[in-house]
Amino acid sequence: MTELCEVVITAPDPEWLYSLTRVLVASGLCASAHNFTPVRTVYKWQGRIYERTEGRASLHTRAELVSRIVDRVRAEGHPYQVPGISARLITGGNPEYLQWIADETSSGDERHADER
């Protein structure tokens, strides 16, 4: 089976992130997106500790599409200078669900080019 992964994206505006995930699903770059808010985040940036409330999205997709997701997130104007995007391989699960992820992302975003 195709190598699948979960991609996690965070952003300061949960509504912007929700809209972004709709674009990613509609374009075929991911099969689904789970949006979580609020997420309390603590991080270090340029030597200073920050605390903020963010949105967090979890995408299910093919590993081969991760770089295209990163490019699309940047093109859509992610508000951070360094967008928080990371991927984790899916090593198991419900075979029918995993096949659904592969099927929904099999053509990448070409099959929905008219929706851009």
PDB file of N, CA and C in Angstrom:
ATOM      1  N   MET A   1       0.840  -1.193   0.000  1.00  0.00           N
ATOM      2  CA  MET A   1       0.000   0.000   0.000  1.00  0.00           C
ATOM      3  C   MET A   1       0.876   1.245   0.000  1.00  0.00           C
ATOM      4  N   THR A   2       0.334   2.311  -0.490  1.00  0.00           N
ATOM      5  CA  THR A   2       0.991   3.613  -0.515  1.00  0.00           C
ATOM      6  C   THR A   2       1.356   4.049   0.902  1.00  0.00           C
ATOM      7  N   GLU A   3       2.501   4.707   1.064  1.00  0.00           N
ATOM      8  CA  GLU A   3       2.912   5.206   2.374  1.00  0.00           C
ATOM      9  C   GLU A   3       2.031   6.405   2.734  1.00  0.00           C
ATOM     10  N   LEU A   4       1.386   6.329   3.891  1.00  0.00           N
ATOM     11  CA  LEU A   4       0.476   7.374   4.355  1.00  0.00           C
ATOM     12  C   LEU A   4       1.061   8.089   5.559  1.00  0.00           C
ATOM     13  N   CYS A   5       0.568   9.300   5.806  1.00  0.00           N
ATOM     14  CA  CYS A   5       1.048  10.045   6.966  1.00  0.00           C
ATOM     15  C   CYS A   5      -0.021  10.998   7.486  1.00  0.00           C
ATOM     16  N   GLU A   6       0.246  11.487   8.681  1.00  0.00           N
ATOM     17  CA  GLU A   6      -0.547  12.546   9.285  1.00  0.00           C
ATOM     18  C   GLU A   6       0.314  13.802   9.241  1.00  0.00           C
ATOM     19  N   VAL A   7      -0.227  14.874   8.718  1.00  0.00           N
ATOM     20  CA  VAL A   7       0.478  16.152   8.672  1.00  0.00           C
ATOM     21  C   VAL A   7      -0.186  17.068   9.691  1.00  0.00           C
ATOM     22  N   VAL A   8       0.619  17.675  10.548  1.00  0.00           N
ATOM     23  CA  VAL A   8       0.112  18.593  11.560  1.00  0.00           C
ATOM     24  C   VAL A   8       0.518  20.011  11.175  1.00  0.00           C
ATOM     25  N   ILE A   9      -0.462  20.911  11.202  1.00  0.00           N
ATOM     26  CA  ILE A   9      -0.233  22.323  10.904  1.00  0.00           C
ATOM     27  C   ILE A   9      -0.813  23.147  12.051  1.00  0.00           C
ATOM     28  N   THR A  10      -0.071  24.138  12.501  1.00  0.00           N
ATOM     29  CA  THR A  10      -0.596  25.078  13.499  1.00  0.00           C
ATOM     30  C   THR A  10      -0.598  26.479  12.891  1.00  0.00           C
ATOM     31  N   ALA A  11      -1.489  27.317  13.408  1.00  0.00           N
ATOM     32  CA  ALA A  11      -1.589  28.699  12.943  1.00  0.00           C
ATOM     33  C   ALA A  11      -2.254  29.536  14.034  1.00  0.00           C
ATOM     34  N   PRO A  12      -1.964  30.828  14.065  1.00  0.00           N
ATOM     35  CA  PRO A  12      -2.518  31.680  15.119  1.00  0.00           C
ATOM     36  C   PRO A  12      -4.015  31.948  14.989  1.00  0.00           C
ATOM     37  N   ASP A  13      -4.555  31.808  13.799  1.00  0.00           N
ATOM     38  CA  ASP A  13      -5.970  32.088  13.565  1.00  0.00           C
ATOM     39  C   ASP A  13      -6.685  30.791  13.188  1.00  0.00           C
ATOM     40  N   PRO A  14      -7.444  30.207  14.121  1.00  0.00           N
ATOM     41  CA  PRO A  14      -8.128  28.941  13.841  1.00  0.00           C
ATOM     42  C   PRO A  14      -9.079  28.999  12.647  1.00  0.00           C
ATOM     43  N   GLU A  15      -9.722  30.129  12.406  1.00  0.00           N
ATOM     44  CA  GLU A  15     -10.637  30.241  11.263  1.00  0.00           C
ATOM     45  C   GLU A  15      -9.877  30.227   9.943  1.00  0.00           C
ATOM     46  N   TRP A  16      -8.720  30.898   9.915  1.00  0.00           N
ATOM     47  CA  TRP A  16      -7.876  30.859   8.714  1.00  0.00           C
ATOM     48  C   TRP A  16      -7.432  29.419   8.455  1.00  0.00           C
ATOM     49  N   LEU A  17      -7.034  28.729   9.515  1.00  0.00           N
ATOM     50  CA  LEU A  17      -6.574  27.351   9.375  1.00  0.00           C
ATOM     51  C   LEU A  17      -7.705  26.443   8.891  1.00  0.00           C
ATOM     52  N   TYR A  18      -8.899  26.644   9.414  1.00  0.00           N
ATOM     53  CA  TYR A  18     -10.054  25.860   8.968  1.00  0.00           C
ATOM     54  C   TYR A  18     -10.296  26.070   7.472  1.00  0.00           C
ATOM     55  N   SER A  19     -10.255  27.308   7.034  1.00  0.00           N
ATOM     56  CA  SER A  19     -10.429  27.606   5.613  1.00  0.00           C
ATOM     57  C   SER A  19      -9.335  26.953   4.781  1.00  0.00           C
ATOM     58  N   LEU A  20      -8.111  27.001   5.269  1.00  0.00           N
ATOM     59  CA  LEU A  20      -7.001  26.357   4.575  1.00  0.00           C
ATOM     60  C   LEU A  20      -7.244  24.858   4.432  1.00  0.00           C
ATOM     61  N   THR A  21      -7.705  24.211   5.485  1.00  0.00           N
ATOM     62  CA  THR A  21      -7.903  22.768   5.407  1.00  0.00           C
ATOM     63  C   THR A  21      -9.012  22.413   4.418  1.00  0.00           C
ATOM     64  N   ARG A  22     -10.012  23.259   4.280  1.00  0.00           N
ATOM     65  CA  ARG A  22     -11.047  23.024   3.253  1.00  0.00           C
ATOM     66  C   ARG A  22     -10.427  23.054   1.861  1.00  0.00           C
ATOM     67  N   VAL A  23      -9.511  23.981   1.629  1.00  0.00           N
ATOM     68  CA  VAL A  23      -8.815  24.081   0.344  1.00  0.00           C
ATOM     69  C   VAL A  23      -7.977  22.823   0.104  1.00  0.00           C
ATOM     70  N   LEU A  24      -7.274  22.356   1.136  1.00  0.00           N
ATOM     71  CA  LEU A  24      -6.416  21.183   0.989  1.00  0.00           C
ATOM     72  C   LEU A  24      -7.228  19.922   0.692  1.00  0.00           C
ATOM     73  N   VAL A  25      -8.377  19.777   1.350  1.00  0.00           N
ATOM     74  CA  VAL A  25      -9.247  18.622   1.075  1.00  0.00           C
ATOM     75  C   VAL A  25      -9.842  18.740  -0.328  1.00  0.00           C
ATOM     76  N   ALA A  26     -10.363  19.902  -0.669  1.00  0.00           N
ATOM     77  CA  ALA A  26     -10.995  20.104  -1.984  1.00  0.00           C
ATOM     78  C   ALA A  26     -10.006  19.873  -3.121  1.00  0.00           C
ATOM     79  N   SER A  27      -8.741  20.192  -2.895  1.00  0.00           N
ATOM     80  CA  SER A  27      -7.737  20.042  -3.951  1.00  0.00           C
ATOM     81  C   SER A  27      -7.173  18.632  -4.031  1.00  0.00           C
ATOM     82  N   GLY A  28      -7.559  17.750  -3.109  1.00  0.00           N
ATOM     83  CA  GLY A  28      -7.078  16.379  -3.131  1.00  0.00           C
ATOM     84  C   GLY A  28      -5.720  16.176  -2.502  1.00  0.00           C
ATOM     85  N   LEU A  29      -5.206  17.199  -1.827  1.00  0.00           N
ATOM     86  CA  LEU A  29      -3.912  17.047  -1.172  1.00  0.00           C
ATOM     87  C   LEU A  29      -4.008  16.263   0.127  1.00  0.00           C
ATOM     88  N   CYS A  30      -5.200  16.166   0.681  1.00  0.00           N
ATOM     89  CA  CYS A  30      -5.427  15.311   1.847  1.00  0.00           C
ATOM     90  C   CYS A  30      -6.857  14.782   1.783  1.00  0.00           C
ATOM     91  N   ALA A  31      -7.077  13.654   2.436  1.00  0.00           N
ATOM     92  CA  ALA A  31      -8.405  13.045   2.435  1.00  0.00           C
ATOM     93  C   ALA A  31      -9.305  13.660   3.489  1.00  0.00           C
ATOM     94  N   SER A  32      -8.709  14.086   4.597  1.00  0.00           N
ATOM     95  CA  SER A  32      -9.493  14.667   5.684  1.00  0.00           C
ATOM     96  C   SER A  32      -8.617  15.595   6.511  1.00  0.00           C
ATOM     97  N   ALA A  33      -9.287  16.440   7.273  1.00  0.00           N
ATOM     98  CA  ALA A  33      -8.595  17.361   8.171  1.00  0.00           C
ATOM     99  C   ALA A  33      -9.399  17.468   9.460  1.00  0.00           C
ATOM    100  N   HIS A  34      -8.736  17.275  10.570  1.00  0.00           N
ATOM    101  CA  HIS A  34      -9.351  17.458  11.879  1.00  0.00           C
ATOM    102  C   HIS A  34      -8.801  18.760  12.442  1.00  0.00           C
ATOM    103  N   ASN A  35      -9.697  19.682  12.770  1.00  0.00           N
ATOM    104  CA  ASN A  35      -9.295  20.983  13.304  1.00  0.00           C
ATOM    105  C   ASN A  35      -9.574  21.034  14.798  1.00  0.00           C
ATOM    106  N   PHE A  36      -8.565  21.459  15.544  1.00  0.00           N
ATOM    107  CA  PHE A  36      -8.664  21.562  16.998  1.00  0.00           C
ATOM    108  C   PHE A  36      -8.424  23.006  17.408  1.00  0.00           C
ATOM    109  N   THR A  37      -9.267  23.501  18.303  1.00  0.00           N
ATOM    110  CA  THR A  37      -9.075  24.830  18.837  1.00  0.00           C
ATOM    111  C   THR A  37      -9.827  24.944  20.152  1.00  0.00           C
ATOM    112  N   PRO A  38      -9.385  25.635  21.121  1.00  0.00           N
ATOM    113  CA  PRO A  38      -8.069  26.267  21.157  1.00  0.00           C
ATOM    114  C   PRO A  38      -6.975  25.263  21.542  1.00  0.00           C
ATOM    115  N   VAL A  39      -5.796  25.546  21.064  1.00  0.00           N
ATOM    116  CA  VAL A  39      -4.603  24.801  21.447  1.00  0.00           C
ATOM    117  C   VAL A  39      -3.679  25.801  22.126  1.00  0.00           C
ATOM    118  N   ARG A  40      -3.282  25.500  23.333  1.00  0.00           N
ATOM    119  CA  ARG A  40      -2.360  26.389  24.053  1.00  0.00           C
ATOM    120  C   ARG A  40      -0.934  25.980  23.705  1.00  0.00           C
ATOM    121  N   THR A  41      -0.199  26.915  23.158  1.00  0.00           N
ATOM    122  CA  THR A  41       1.141  26.641  22.663  1.00  0.00           C
ATOM    123  C   THR A  41       2.175  27.459  23.427  1.00  0.00           C
ATOM    124  N   VAL A  42       3.263  26.808  23.756  1.00  0.00           N
ATOM    125  CA  VAL A  42       4.427  27.466  24.349  1.00  0.00           C
ATOM    126  C   VAL A  42       5.598  27.150  23.426  1.00  0.00           C
ATOM    127  N   TYR A  43       6.303  28.183  22.988  1.00  0.00           N
ATOM    128  CA  TYR A  43       7.430  27.949  22.085  1.00  0.00           C
ATOM    129  C   TYR A  43       8.480  29.045  22.256  1.00  0.00           C
ATOM    130  N   LYS A  44       9.670  28.729  21.770  1.00  0.00           N
ATOM    131  CA  LYS A  44      10.778  29.675  21.810  1.00  0.00           C
ATOM    132  C   LYS A  44      11.047  30.152  20.393  1.00  0.00           C
ATOM    133  N   TRP A  45      11.091  31.467  20.211  1.00  0.00           N
ATOM    134  CA  TRP A  45      11.356  32.051  18.912  1.00  0.00           C
ATOM    135  C   TRP A  45      12.317  33.218  19.084  1.00  0.00           C
ATOM    136  N   GLN A  46      13.438  33.140  18.414  1.00  0.00           N
ATOM    137  CA  GLN A  46      14.466  34.172  18.451  1.00  0.00           C
ATOM    138  C   GLN A  46      14.848  34.536  19.883  1.00  0.00           C
ATOM    139  N   GLY A  47      15.036  33.484  20.711  1.00  0.00           N
ATOM    140  CA  GLY A  47      15.525  33.656  22.067  1.00  0.00           C
ATOM    141  C   GLY A  47      14.489  34.038  23.108  1.00  0.00           C
ATOM    142  N   ARG A  48      13.245  34.164  22.725  1.00  0.00           N
ATOM    143  CA  ARG A  48      12.197  34.583  23.653  1.00  0.00           C
ATOM    144  C   ARG A  48      11.129  33.495  23.741  1.00  0.00           C
ATOM    145  N   ILE A  49      10.571  33.298  24.937  1.00  0.00           N
ATOM    146  CA  ILE A  49       9.499  32.323  25.152  1.00  0.00           C
ATOM    147  C   ILE A  49       8.155  33.002  24.899  1.00  0.00           C
ATOM    148  N   TYR A  50       7.319  32.352  24.106  1.00  0.00           N
ATOM    149  CA  TYR A  50       5.986  32.860  23.793  1.00  0.00           C
ATOM    150  C   TYR A  50       4.936  31.857  24.258  1.00  0.00           C
ATOM    151  N   GLU A  51       3.782  32.368  24.617  1.00  0.00           N
ATOM    152  CA  GLU A  51       2.605  31.559  24.907  1.00  0.00           C
ATOM    153  C   GLU A  51       1.468  32.155  24.102  1.00  0.00           C
ATOM    154  N   ARG A  52       0.742  31.289  23.392  1.00  0.00           N
ATOM    155  CA  ARG A  52      -0.372  31.800  22.599  1.00  0.00           C
ATOM    156  C   ARG A  52      -1.402  30.706  22.381  1.00  0.00           C
ATOM    157  N   THR A  53      -2.575  31.132  22.020  1.00  0.00           N
ATOM    158  CA  THR A  53      -3.634  30.211  21.640  1.00  0.00           C
ATOM    159  C   THR A  53      -3.625  30.115  20.118  1.00  0.00           C
ATOM    160  N   GLU A  54      -3.650  28.894  19.619  1.00  0.00           N
ATOM    161  CA  GLU A  54      -3.587  28.651  18.184  1.00  0.00           C
ATOM    162  C   GLU A  54      -4.670  27.659  17.773  1.00  0.00           C
ATOM    163  N   GLY A  55      -4.745  27.443  16.481  1.00  0.00           N
ATOM    164  CA  GLY A  55      -5.501  26.334  15.928  1.00  0.00           C
ATOM    165  C   GLY A  55      -4.505  25.267  15.508  1.00  0.00           C
ATOM    166  N   ARG A  56      -4.978  24.027  15.486  1.00  0.00           N
ATOM    167  CA  ARG A  56      -4.135  22.907  15.069  1.00  0.00           C
ATOM    168  C   ARG A  56      -4.966  22.025  14.150  1.00  0.00           C
ATOM    169  N   ALA A  57      -4.376  21.636  13.033  1.00  0.00           N
ATOM    170  CA  ALA A  57      -5.057  20.753  12.096  1.00  0.00           C
ATOM    171  C   ALA A  57      -4.225  19.497  11.901  1.00  0.00           C
ATOM    172  N   SER A  58      -4.922  18.385  11.800  1.00  0.00           N
ATOM    173  CA  SER A  58      -4.313  17.090  11.545  1.00  0.00           C
ATOM    174  C   SER A  58      -4.869  16.574  10.226  1.00  0.00           C
ATOM    175  N   LEU A  59      -4.007  16.401   9.231  1.00  0.00           N
ATOM    176  CA  LEU A  59      -4.414  15.962   7.906  1.00  0.00           C
ATOM    177  C   LEU A  59      -4.030  14.511   7.699  1.00  0.00           C
ATOM    178  N   HIS A  60      -4.827  13.767   6.969  1.00  0.00           N
ATOM    179  CA  HIS A  60      -4.477  12.402   6.573  1.00  0.00           C
ATOM    180  C   HIS A  60      -4.252  12.401   5.070  1.00  0.00           C
ATOM    181  N   THR A  61      -3.060  11.942   4.667  1.00  0.00           N
ATOM    182  CA  THR A  61      -2.662  12.055   3.275  1.00  0.00           C
ATOM    183  C   THR A  61      -1.588  11.037   2.922  1.00  0.00           C
ATOM    184  N   ARG A  62      -1.119  11.111   1.687  1.00  0.00           N
ATOM    185  CA  ARG A  62       0.004  10.309   1.221  1.00  0.00           C
ATOM    186  C   ARG A  62       1.310  11.023   1.573  1.00  0.00           C
ATOM    187  N   ALA A  63       2.312  10.275   1.983  1.00  0.00           N
ATOM    188  CA  ALA A  63       3.605  10.868   2.322  1.00  0.00           C
ATOM    189  C   ALA A  63       4.193  11.633   1.140  1.00  0.00           C
ATOM    190  N   GLU A  64       3.959  11.148  -0.061  1.00  0.00           N
ATOM    191  CA  GLU A  64       4.516  11.797  -1.252  1.00  0.00           C
ATOM    192  C   GLU A  64       3.936  13.186  -1.502  1.00  0.00           C
ATOM    193  N   LEU A  65       2.837  13.543  -0.827  1.00  0.00           N
ATOM    194  CA  LEU A  65       2.206  14.848  -1.030  1.00  0.00           C
ATOM    195  C   LEU A  65       2.639  15.900  -0.014  1.00  0.00           C
ATOM    196  N   VAL A  66       3.466  15.532   0.953  1.00  0.00           N
ATOM    197  CA  VAL A  66       3.829  16.467   2.031  1.00  0.00           C
ATOM    198  C   VAL A  66       4.482  17.733   1.480  1.00  0.00           C
ATOM    199  N   SER A  67       5.423  17.610   0.573  1.00  0.00           N
ATOM    200  CA  SER A  67       6.101  18.814   0.062  1.00  0.00           C
ATOM    201  C   SER A  67       5.119  19.715  -0.687  1.00  0.00           C
ATOM    202  N   ARG A  68       4.146  19.122  -1.376  1.00  0.00           N
ATOM    203  CA  ARG A  68       3.137  19.929  -2.063  1.00  0.00           C
ATOM    204  C   ARG A  68       2.220  20.620  -1.060  1.00  0.00           C
ATOM    205  N   ILE A  69       1.938  19.967   0.059  1.00  0.00           N
ATOM    206  CA  ILE A  69       1.136  20.600   1.113  1.00  0.00           C
ATOM    207  C   ILE A  69       1.894  21.795   1.681  1.00  0.00           C
ATOM    208  N   VAL A  70       3.176  21.618   1.970  1.00  0.00           N
ATOM    209  CA  VAL A  70       3.991  22.725   2.493  1.00  0.00           C
ATOM    210  C   VAL A  70       3.972  23.895   1.510  1.00  0.00           C
ATOM    211  N   ASP A  71       4.177  23.619   0.236  1.00  0.00           N
ATOM    212  CA  ASP A  71       4.157  24.680  -0.781  1.00  0.00           C
ATOM    213  C   ASP A  71       2.803  25.374  -0.831  1.00  0.00           C
ATOM    214  N   ARG A  72       1.731  24.604  -0.745  1.00  0.00           N
ATOM    215  CA  ARG A  72       0.381  25.176  -0.820  1.00  0.00           C
ATOM    216  C   ARG A  72       0.089  26.037   0.408  1.00  0.00           C
ATOM    217  N   VAL A  73       0.508  25.577   1.591  1.00  0.00           N
ATOM    218  CA  VAL A  73       0.301  26.357   2.819  1.00  0.00           C
ATOM    219  C   VAL A  73       1.012  27.702   2.707  1.00  0.00           C
ATOM    220  N   ARG A  74       2.218  27.696   2.199  1.00  0.00           N
ATOM    221  CA  ARG A  74       2.948  28.963   2.006  1.00  0.00           C
ATOM    222  C   ARG A  74       2.233  29.845   0.978  1.00  0.00           C
ATOM    223  N   ALA A  75       1.786  29.240  -0.127  1.00  0.00           N
ATOM    224  CA  ALA A  75       1.102  30.006  -1.180  1.00  0.00           C
ATOM    225  C   ALA A  75      -0.205  30.621  -0.680  1.00  0.00           C
ATOM    226  N   GLU A  76      -0.846  29.955   0.259  1.00  0.00           N
ATOM    227  CA  GLU A  76      -2.106  30.458   0.813  1.00  0.00           C
ATOM    228  C   GLU A  76      -1.876  31.541   1.866  1.00  0.00           C
ATOM    229  N   GLY A  77      -0.619  31.877   2.132  1.00  0.00           N
ATOM    230  CA  GLY A  77      -0.301  32.998   3.018  1.00  0.00           C
ATOM    231  C   GLY A  77      -0.287  32.680   4.502  1.00  0.00           C
ATOM    232  N   HIS A  78       0.291  31.530   4.870  1.00  0.00           N
ATOM    233  CA  HIS A  78       0.380  31.206   6.293  1.00  0.00           C
ATOM    234  C   HIS A  78       0.987  32.398   7.027  1.00  0.00           C
ATOM    235  N   PRO A  79       0.392  32.814   8.148  1.00  0.00           N
ATOM    236  CA  PRO A  79       0.822  34.034   8.816  1.00  0.00           C
ATOM    237  C   PRO A  79       2.176  33.969   9.535  1.00  0.00           C
ATOM    238  N   TYR A  80       2.717  32.794   9.759  1.00  0.00           N
ATOM    239  CA  TYR A  80       4.010  32.703  10.440  1.00  0.00           C
ATOM    240  C   TYR A  80       5.155  32.753   9.441  1.00  0.00           C
ATOM    241  N   GLN A  81       6.250  33.354   9.856  1.00  0.00           N
ATOM    242  CA  GLN A  81       7.463  33.380   9.045  1.00  0.00           C
ATOM    243  C   GLN A  81       7.954  31.954   8.783  1.00  0.00           C
ATOM    244  N   VAL A  82       7.855  31.104   9.792  1.00  0.00           N
ATOM    245  CA  VAL A  82       8.214  29.693   9.676  1.00  0.00           C
ATOM    246  C   VAL A  82       6.982  28.877  10.088  1.00  0.00           C
ATOM    247  N   PRO A  83       6.149  28.506   9.114  1.00  0.00           N
ATOM    248  CA  PRO A  83       4.932  27.756   9.455  1.00  0.00           C
ATOM    249  C   PRO A  83       5.244  26.432  10.146  1.00  0.00           C
ATOM    250  N   GLY A  84       4.482  26.121  11.186  1.00  0.00           N
ATOM    251  CA  GLY A  84       4.633  24.856  11.897  1.00  0.00           C
ATOM    252  C   GLY A  84       3.925  23.744  11.134  1.00  0.00           C
ATOM    253  N   ILE A  85       4.685  22.992  10.342  1.00  0.00           N
ATOM    254  CA  ILE A  85       4.134  21.890   9.557  1.00  0.00           C
ATOM    255  C   ILE A  85       5.063  20.698   9.752  1.00  0.00           C
ATOM    256  N   SER A  86       4.519  19.577  10.191  1.00  0.00           N
ATOM    257  CA  SER A  86       5.336  18.371  10.358  1.00  0.00           C
ATOM    258  C   SER A  86       4.507  17.155   9.985  1.00  0.00           C
ATOM    259  N   ALA A  87       5.197  16.056   9.673  1.00  0.00           N
ATOM    260  CA  ALA A  87       4.504  14.843   9.228  1.00  0.00           C
ATOM    261  C   ALA A  87       4.955  13.640  10.039  1.00  0.00           C
ATOM    262  N   ARG A  88       4.012  12.723  10.281  1.00  0.00           N
ATOM    263  CA  ARG A  88       4.272  11.471  10.986  1.00  0.00           C
ATOM    264  C   ARG A  88       3.708  10.335  10.152  1.00  0.00           C
ATOM    265  N   LEU A  89       4.521   9.318   9.922  1.00  0.00           N
ATOM    266  CA  LEU A  89       4.052   8.175   9.144  1.00  0.00           C
ATOM    267  C   LEU A  89       2.944   7.444   9.891  1.00  0.00           C
ATOM    268  N   ILE A  90       1.971   6.954   9.158  1.00  0.00           N
ATOM    269  CA  ILE A  90       0.915   6.103   9.704  1.00  0.00           C
ATOM    270  C   ILE A  90       1.390   4.672   9.500  1.00  0.00           C
ATOM    271  N   THR A  91       1.571   3.951  10.595  1.00  0.00           N
ATOM    272  CA  THR A  91       2.134   2.603  10.513  1.00  0.00           C
ATOM    273  C   THR A  91       1.096   1.505  10.623  1.00  0.00           C
ATOM    274  N   GLY A  92      -0.142   1.867  10.874  1.00  0.00           N
ATOM    275  CA  GLY A  92      -1.199   0.870  10.981  1.00  0.00           C
ATOM    276  C   GLY A  92      -2.530   1.538  11.184  1.00  0.00           C
ATOM    277  N   GLY A  93      -3.584   0.715  11.225  1.00  0.00           N
ATOM    278  CA  GLY A  93      -4.925   1.231  11.437  1.00  0.00           C
ATOM    279  C   GLY A  93      -5.937   0.387  10.700  1.00  0.00           C
ATOM    280  N   ASN A  94      -7.133   0.890  10.619  1.00  0.00           N
ATOM    281  CA  ASN A  94      -8.208   0.213   9.918  1.00  0.00           C
ATOM    282  C   ASN A  94      -7.858   0.166   8.426  1.00  0.00           C
ATOM    283  N   PRO A  95      -7.642  -1.004   7.860  1.00  0.00           N
ATOM    284  CA  PRO A  95      -7.246  -1.095   6.451  1.00  0.00           C
ATOM    285  C   PRO A  95      -8.204  -0.387   5.495  1.00  0.00           C
ATOM    286  N   GLU A  96      -9.498  -0.439   5.788  1.00  0.00           N
ATOM    287  CA  GLU A  96     -10.476   0.227   4.920  1.00  0.00           C
ATOM    288  C   GLU A  96     -10.320   1.748   4.977  1.00  0.00           C
ATOM    289  N   TYR A  97     -10.053   2.277   6.172  1.00  0.00           N
ATOM    290  CA  TYR A  97      -9.845   3.717   6.315  1.00  0.00           C
ATOM    291  C   TYR A  97      -8.556   4.129   5.603  1.00  0.00           C
ATOM    292  N   LEU A  98      -7.516   3.354   5.775  1.00  0.00           N
ATOM    293  CA  LEU A  98      -6.240   3.670   5.136  1.00  0.00           C
ATOM    294  C   LEU A  98      -6.376   3.629   3.611  1.00  0.00           C
ATOM    295  N   GLN A  99      -7.132   2.679   3.097  1.00  0.00           N
ATOM    296  CA  GLN A  99      -7.361   2.611   1.651  1.00  0.00           C
ATOM    297  C   GLN A  99      -8.144   3.824   1.181  1.00  0.00           C
ATOM    298  N   TRP A 100      -9.102   4.271   1.994  1.00  0.00           N
ATOM    299  CA  TRP A 100      -9.881   5.460   1.656  1.00  0.00           C
ATOM    300  C   TRP A 100      -8.962   6.680   1.539  1.00  0.00           C
ATOM    301  N   ILE A 101      -8.014   6.826   2.481  1.00  0.00           N
ATOM    302  CA  ILE A 101      -7.059   7.944   2.406  1.00  0.00           C
ATOM    303  C   ILE A 101      -6.298   7.870   1.080  1.00  0.00           C
ATOM    304  N   ALA A 102      -5.780   6.696   0.761  1.00  0.00           N
ATOM    305  CA  ALA A 102      -5.028   6.529  -0.490  1.00  0.00           C
ATOM    306  C   ALA A 102      -5.901   6.848  -1.703  1.00  0.00           C
ATOM    307  N   ASP A 103      -7.134   6.363  -1.695  1.00  0.00           N
ATOM    308  CA  ASP A 103      -8.034   6.594  -2.830  1.00  0.00           C
ATOM    309  C   ASP A 103      -8.372   8.077  -3.007  1.00  0.00           C
ATOM    310  N   GLU A 104      -8.608   8.770  -1.908  1.00  0.00           N
ATOM    311  CA  GLU A 104      -9.012  10.183  -1.987  1.00  0.00           C
ATOM    312  C   GLU A 104      -7.860  11.098  -2.384  1.00  0.00           C
ATOM    313  N   THR A 105      -6.641  10.628  -2.270  1.00  0.00           N
ATOM    314  CA  THR A 105      -5.485  11.462  -2.591  1.00  0.00           C
ATOM    315  C   THR A 105      -4.712  10.928  -3.785  1.00  0.00           C
ATOM    316  N   SER A 106      -5.243   9.924  -4.460  1.00  0.00           N
ATOM    317  CA  SER A 106      -4.487   9.239  -5.510  1.00  0.00           C
ATOM    318  C   SER A 106      -4.057  10.126  -6.665  1.00  0.00           C
ATOM    319  N   SER A 107      -4.810  11.155  -6.963  1.00  0.00           N
ATOM    320  CA  SER A 107      -4.453  12.022  -8.087  1.00  0.00           C
ATOM    321  C   SER A 107      -3.908  13.363  -7.632  1.00  0.00           C
ATOM    322  N   GLY A 108      -3.639  13.519  -6.350  1.00  0.00           N
ATOM    323  CA  GLY A 108      -3.150  14.809  -5.869  1.00  0.00           C
ATOM    324  C   GLY A 108      -4.134  15.907  -6.177  1.00  0.00           C
ATOM    325  N   ASP A 109      -3.633  17.127  -6.447  1.00  0.00           N
ATOM    326  CA  ASP A 109      -4.568  18.226  -6.685  1.00  0.00           C
ATOM    327  C   ASP A 109      -4.914  18.423  -8.154  1.00  0.00           C
ATOM    328  N   GLU A 110      -4.392  17.581  -9.066  1.00  0.00           N
ATOM    329  CA  GLU A 110      -4.734  17.747 -10.478  1.00  0.00           C
ATOM    330  C   GLU A 110      -6.212  17.524 -10.747  1.00  0.00           C
ATOM    331  N   ARG A 111      -6.840  16.588 -10.040  1.00  0.00           N
ATOM    332  CA  ARG A 111      -8.232  16.264 -10.345  1.00  0.00           C
ATOM    333  C   ARG A 111      -9.200  17.364  -9.944  1.00  0.00           C
ATOM    334  N   HIS A 112      -8.715  18.319  -9.136  1.00  0.00           N
ATOM    335  CA  HIS A 112      -9.576  19.430  -8.722  1.00  0.00           C
ATOM    336  C   HIS A 112      -8.979  20.773  -9.133  1.00  0.00           C
ATOM    337  N   ALA A 113      -8.234  20.781 -10.209  1.00  0.00           N
ATOM    338  CA  ALA A 113      -7.569  22.024 -10.636  1.00  0.00           C
ATOM    339  C   ALA A 113      -8.565  23.158 -10.865  1.00  0.00           C
ATOM    340  N   ASP A 114      -9.791  22.818 -11.244  1.00  0.00           N
ATOM    341  CA  ASP A 114     -10.800  23.852 -11.477  1.00  0.00           C
ATOM    342  C   ASP A 114     -11.275  24.519 -10.202  1.00  0.00           C
ATOM    343  N   GLU A 115     -10.964  23.951  -9.038  1.00  0.00           N
ATOM    344  CA  GLU A 115     -11.418  24.531  -7.761  1.00  0.00           C
ATOM    345  C   GLU A 115     -10.422  25.543  -7.213  1.00  0.00           C
ATOM    346  N   ARG A 116      -9.281  25.710  -7.861  1.00  0.00           N
ATOM    347  CA  ARG A 116      -8.278  26.672  -7.366  1.00  0.00           C
ATOM    348  C   ARG A 116      -8.583  28.068  -7.793  1.00  0.00           C
TER     349      ARG A 116
END
